[in-house]
Protein backbone atom coordinates (compact mmCIF):
# COMPACT_ATOMS: atom_id res chain seq x y z
CA UNK A 1 -1.96 25.08 -8.79
CA UNK A 2 -2.27 21.23 -8.71
CA UNK A 3 -4.38 19.58 -11.28
CA UNK A 4 -7.67 18.13 -10.41
CA UNK A 5 -7.59 14.41 -9.96
CA UNK A 6 -10.34 11.87 -9.99
CA UNK A 7 -9.95 8.77 -7.97
CA UNK A 8 -11.59 5.34 -9.00
CA UNK A 9 -12.24 3.04 -6.24
CA UNK A 10 -13.11 -0.36 -7.74
CA UNK A 11 -12.82 -2.42 -4.49
CA UNK A 12 -13.36 -0.58 -1.19
CA UNK A 13 -15.89 0.25 1.35
CA UNK A 14 -18.01 2.12 -1.21
CA UNK A 15 -16.85 1.74 -4.84
CA UNK A 16 -17.15 4.91 -6.96
CA UNK A 17 -15.43 8.03 -8.20
CA UNK A 18 -14.01 10.60 -5.79
CA UNK A 19 -12.40 14.00 -6.25
CA UNK A 20 -10.14 14.20 -3.24
CA UNK A 21 -7.37 11.86 -1.98
CA UNK A 22 -8.91 12.22 1.55
CA UNK A 23 -12.26 10.82 0.42
CA UNK A 24 -10.50 8.00 -1.27
CA UNK A 25 -8.45 7.03 1.78
CA UNK A 26 -11.61 6.74 3.78
CA UNK A 27 -12.83 4.05 1.41
CA UNK A 28 -9.50 2.08 1.01
CA UNK A 29 -7.45 2.53 4.12
CA UNK A 30 -7.47 -0.90 6.06
CA UNK A 31 -9.62 -2.39 3.40
CA UNK A 32 -8.23 -5.82 2.33
CA UNK A 33 -7.00 -5.90 -1.24
CA UNK A 34 -8.48 -2.52 -2.14
CA UNK A 35 -8.25 -1.56 -5.84
CA UNK A 36 -8.03 2.10 -6.72
CA UNK A 37 -6.29 4.47 -9.04
CA UNK A 38 -6.12 8.17 -10.03
CA UNK A 39 -6.94 9.75 -13.39
CA UNK A 40 -6.54 13.19 -14.67
CA UNK A 41 -10.05 13.63 -16.24
CA UNK A 42 -13.63 12.79 -15.16
CA UNK A 43 -14.05 10.98 -18.64
CA UNK A 44 -11.11 8.75 -18.09
CA UNK A 45 -12.20 8.04 -14.52
CA UNK A 46 -15.73 7.07 -15.52
CA UNK A 47 -14.46 4.83 -18.42
CA UNK A 48 -11.97 3.13 -15.98
CA UNK A 49 -14.66 2.54 -13.37
CA UNK A 50 -16.96 0.74 -16.00
CA UNK A 51 -13.99 -1.18 -17.42
CA UNK A 52 -13.06 -2.65 -13.98
CA UNK A 53 -9.76 -2.87 -12.12
CA UNK A 54 -8.37 -5.85 -13.92
CA UNK A 55 -7.50 -3.73 -16.98
CA UNK A 56 -5.31 -1.54 -14.85
CA UNK A 57 -3.47 -3.97 -12.55
CA UNK A 58 -0.53 -5.95 -13.84
CA UNK A 59 -0.66 -4.26 -17.23
CA UNK A 60 1.60 -1.78 -18.98
CA UNK A 61 1.56 1.57 -17.52
CA UNK A 62 0.24 4.51 -19.48
CA UNK A 63 3.14 5.90 -21.50
CA UNK A 64 4.14 9.41 -22.54
CA UNK A 65 7.39 10.36 -24.27
CA UNK A 66 10.37 9.99 -22.08
CA UNK A 67 12.39 13.12 -21.32
CA UNK A 68 15.59 13.00 -23.35
CA UNK A 69 17.81 12.99 -20.16
CA UNK A 70 16.20 9.82 -18.93
CA UNK A 71 18.06 6.47 -19.71
CA UNK A 72 15.29 4.42 -21.42
CA UNK A 73 17.22 1.06 -21.13
CA UNK A 74 16.62 0.78 -17.33
CA UNK A 75 14.17 -0.26 -14.69
CA UNK A 76 11.99 1.98 -12.72
CA UNK A 77 10.49 0.91 -9.34
CA UNK A 78 7.81 2.41 -7.11
CA UNK A 79 5.93 1.47 -3.83
CA UNK A 80 2.40 2.45 -2.70
CA UNK A 81 1.14 2.29 0.71
CA UNK A 82 -2.23 3.18 2.08
CA UNK A 83 -1.07 4.35 5.49
CA UNK A 84 2.14 4.38 7.68
CA UNK A 85 2.13 1.65 8.37
CA UNK A 86 -0.46 0.24 5.95
CA UNK A 87 -1.04 -2.23 2.99
CA UNK A 88 2.17 -1.93 0.98
CA UNK A 89 2.76 -3.15 -2.60
CA UNK A 90 5.80 -2.50 -4.94
CA UNK A 91 6.63 -3.11 -8.44
CA UNK A 92 9.30 -2.69 -11.11
CA UNK A 93 8.69 -1.82 -14.86
CA UNK A 94 10.76 -1.41 -17.97
CA UNK A 95 11.27 2.31 -18.17
CA UNK A 96 10.99 2.34 -21.96
CA UNK A 97 8.09 0.11 -22.65
CA UNK A 98 6.21 0.38 -19.25
CA UNK A 99 6.02 -3.40 -19.14
CA UNK A 100 5.59 -4.67 -15.60
CA UNK A 101 8.66 -6.92 -14.60
CA UNK A 102 7.71 -7.76 -11.05
CA UNK A 103 4.95 -6.89 -8.58
CA UNK A 104 4.57 -7.86 -4.91
CA UNK A 105 1.76 -7.05 -2.35
CA UNK A 106 -0.17 -6.54 -0.34
CA UNK A 107 2.35 -6.63 2.38
CA UNK A 108 0.54 -5.75 5.67
CA UNK A 109 1.82 -3.12 7.96
CA UNK A 110 4.51 -1.72 5.66
CA UNK A 111 5.78 1.67 4.91
CA UNK A 112 6.54 3.40 1.57
CA UNK A 113 10.22 3.78 2.15
CA UNK A 114 10.63 0.19 3.13
CA UNK A 115 8.58 -0.75 0.00
CA UNK A 116 10.93 1.38 -2.29
CA UNK A 117 14.11 -0.14 -0.70
CA UNK A 118 12.95 -3.77 -1.15
CA UNK A 119 11.87 -2.85 -4.63
CA UNK A 120 15.29 -1.46 -5.53
CA UNK A 121 17.09 -4.49 -4.25
CA UNK A 122 14.59 -6.72 -6.08
CA UNK A 123 15.53 -4.95 -9.29
CA UNK A 124 19.27 -5.28 -8.63
CA UNK A 125 19.06 -8.97 -7.63
CA UNK A 126 16.98 -9.64 -10.87
CA UNK A 127 19.48 -7.76 -13.09
CA UNK A 128 22.37 -9.50 -11.60
CA UNK A 129 20.79 -12.99 -12.44
CA UNK A 130 20.19 -11.60 -15.99
CA UNK A 131 23.81 -10.25 -16.31
CA UNK A 132 22.54 -6.85 -17.07
CA UNK A 133 24.24 -3.52 -15.94
CA UNK A 134 21.46 -1.07 -16.72
CA UNK A 135 20.35 1.56 -14.27
CA UNK A 136 17.53 1.46 -11.60
CA UNK A 137 15.35 4.58 -11.07
CA UNK A 138 13.48 5.35 -7.94
CA UNK A 139 11.73 8.57 -6.74
CA UNK A 140 12.73 7.92 -3.20
CA UNK A 141 15.93 9.71 -2.11
CA UNK A 142 15.59 7.94 1.28
CA UNK A 143 15.43 4.38 -0.18
CA UNK A 144 18.23 5.01 -2.61
CA UNK A 145 20.52 6.13 0.39
CA UNK A 146 19.58 3.07 2.34
CA UNK A 147 20.74 0.87 -0.51
CA UNK A 148 23.98 2.81 -0.96
CA UNK A 149 24.75 2.66 2.63
CA UNK A 150 23.44 -0.87 3.12
CA UNK A 151 21.63 0.26 6.05
CA UNK A 152 17.80 0.69 6.78
CA UNK A 153 16.76 3.80 8.82
CA UNK A 154 13.14 2.94 9.23
CA UNK A 155 11.55 3.44 12.68
CA UNK A 156 8.83 0.90 12.02
CA UNK A 157 8.64 -1.40 15.07
CA UNK A 158 9.62 -5.07 14.78
CA UNK A 159 6.62 -7.20 16.00
CA UNK A 160 4.45 -9.88 14.79
CA UNK A 161 2.27 -7.47 12.66
CA UNK A 162 5.41 -6.17 10.80
CA UNK A 163 7.26 -9.52 10.56
CA UNK A 164 6.67 -9.90 6.64
CA UNK A 165 7.89 -6.56 5.64
CA UNK A 166 10.93 -6.79 7.92
CA UNK A 167 11.78 -10.18 6.76
CA UNK A 168 11.81 -8.93 3.20
CA UNK A 169 13.91 -5.94 4.17
CA UNK A 170 16.33 -8.20 6.05
CA UNK A 171 16.53 -10.40 3.06
CA UNK A 172 17.34 -7.29 0.89
CA UNK A 173 20.08 -6.23 3.45
CA UNK A 174 21.58 -9.69 3.26
CA UNK A 175 21.62 -9.65 -0.44
CA UNK A 176 23.45 -6.28 -0.45
CA UNK A 177 25.94 -7.52 2.05
CA UNK A 178 26.80 -10.44 -0.08
CA UNK A 179 26.56 -8.96 -3.53
CA UNK A 180 28.32 -6.23 -5.58
CA UNK A 181 26.40 -4.59 -8.42
CA UNK A 182 27.61 -2.34 -11.22
CA UNK A 183 24.05 -0.88 -11.92
CA UNK A 184 23.74 3.01 -11.36
CA UNK A 185 21.19 4.05 -8.79
CA UNK A 186 19.32 7.06 -10.21
CA UNK A 187 16.95 9.57 -8.56
CA UNK A 188 13.88 9.91 -10.74
CA UNK A 189 13.19 13.68 -10.94
CA UNK A 190 9.46 13.77 -10.58
CA UNK A 191 9.18 17.71 -10.57
CA UNK A 192 10.87 17.87 -13.99
CA UNK A 193 9.87 14.58 -15.61
CA UNK A 194 6.43 13.82 -14.06
CA UNK A 195 5.61 10.63 -12.29
CA UNK A 196 8.09 7.65 -12.35
CA UNK A 197 6.97 4.95 -14.86
CA UNK A 198 6.35 2.56 -12.12
CA UNK A 199 3.90 4.89 -10.39
CA UNK A 200 0.79 3.23 -9.02
CA UNK A 201 -1.21 6.36 -9.62
CA UNK A 202 -2.90 6.16 -6.21
CA UNK A 203 -2.63 9.83 -5.31
């Protein structure tokens, strides 16, 4: 049975603590620059609500011991989207320390898979500039396949509203066409290892 989660909405239609993802979505979907995060206990949620969102955005992610099969010297990426399409953001973190290495968003009218794809290529581009061959983890099998195949299978329409996310995706595709990379692309096994280090904790 899934563990009870508590959702803190710092910036939304009605800030507060909610006990279901559906209630939380009502407060944040379509709300410009909404700030929210899930916690595993009511005490954590209450403390976080009082502390404010700034302590949880752009900071190190909460750490637990890495499973032994995970390669610690790596980058983990994740994307969060409050709808499909919706407000999208993505980030990459140092898998070992949890330190945030890059973060972009909100990108309007995006999708989670596009965000994951762009995040993976962002990580690969950064690592190539740094001359590093370490792996990149993603929990999105779809996005990993898009990177390997150098082909995006999204059905998101191309129009004025989706121009930003498609521009980023096209730029990522162009990078893949023009660059080789030695970095292993690895699937983060959420069922066995828990949430990926870069997880936004939104649901």
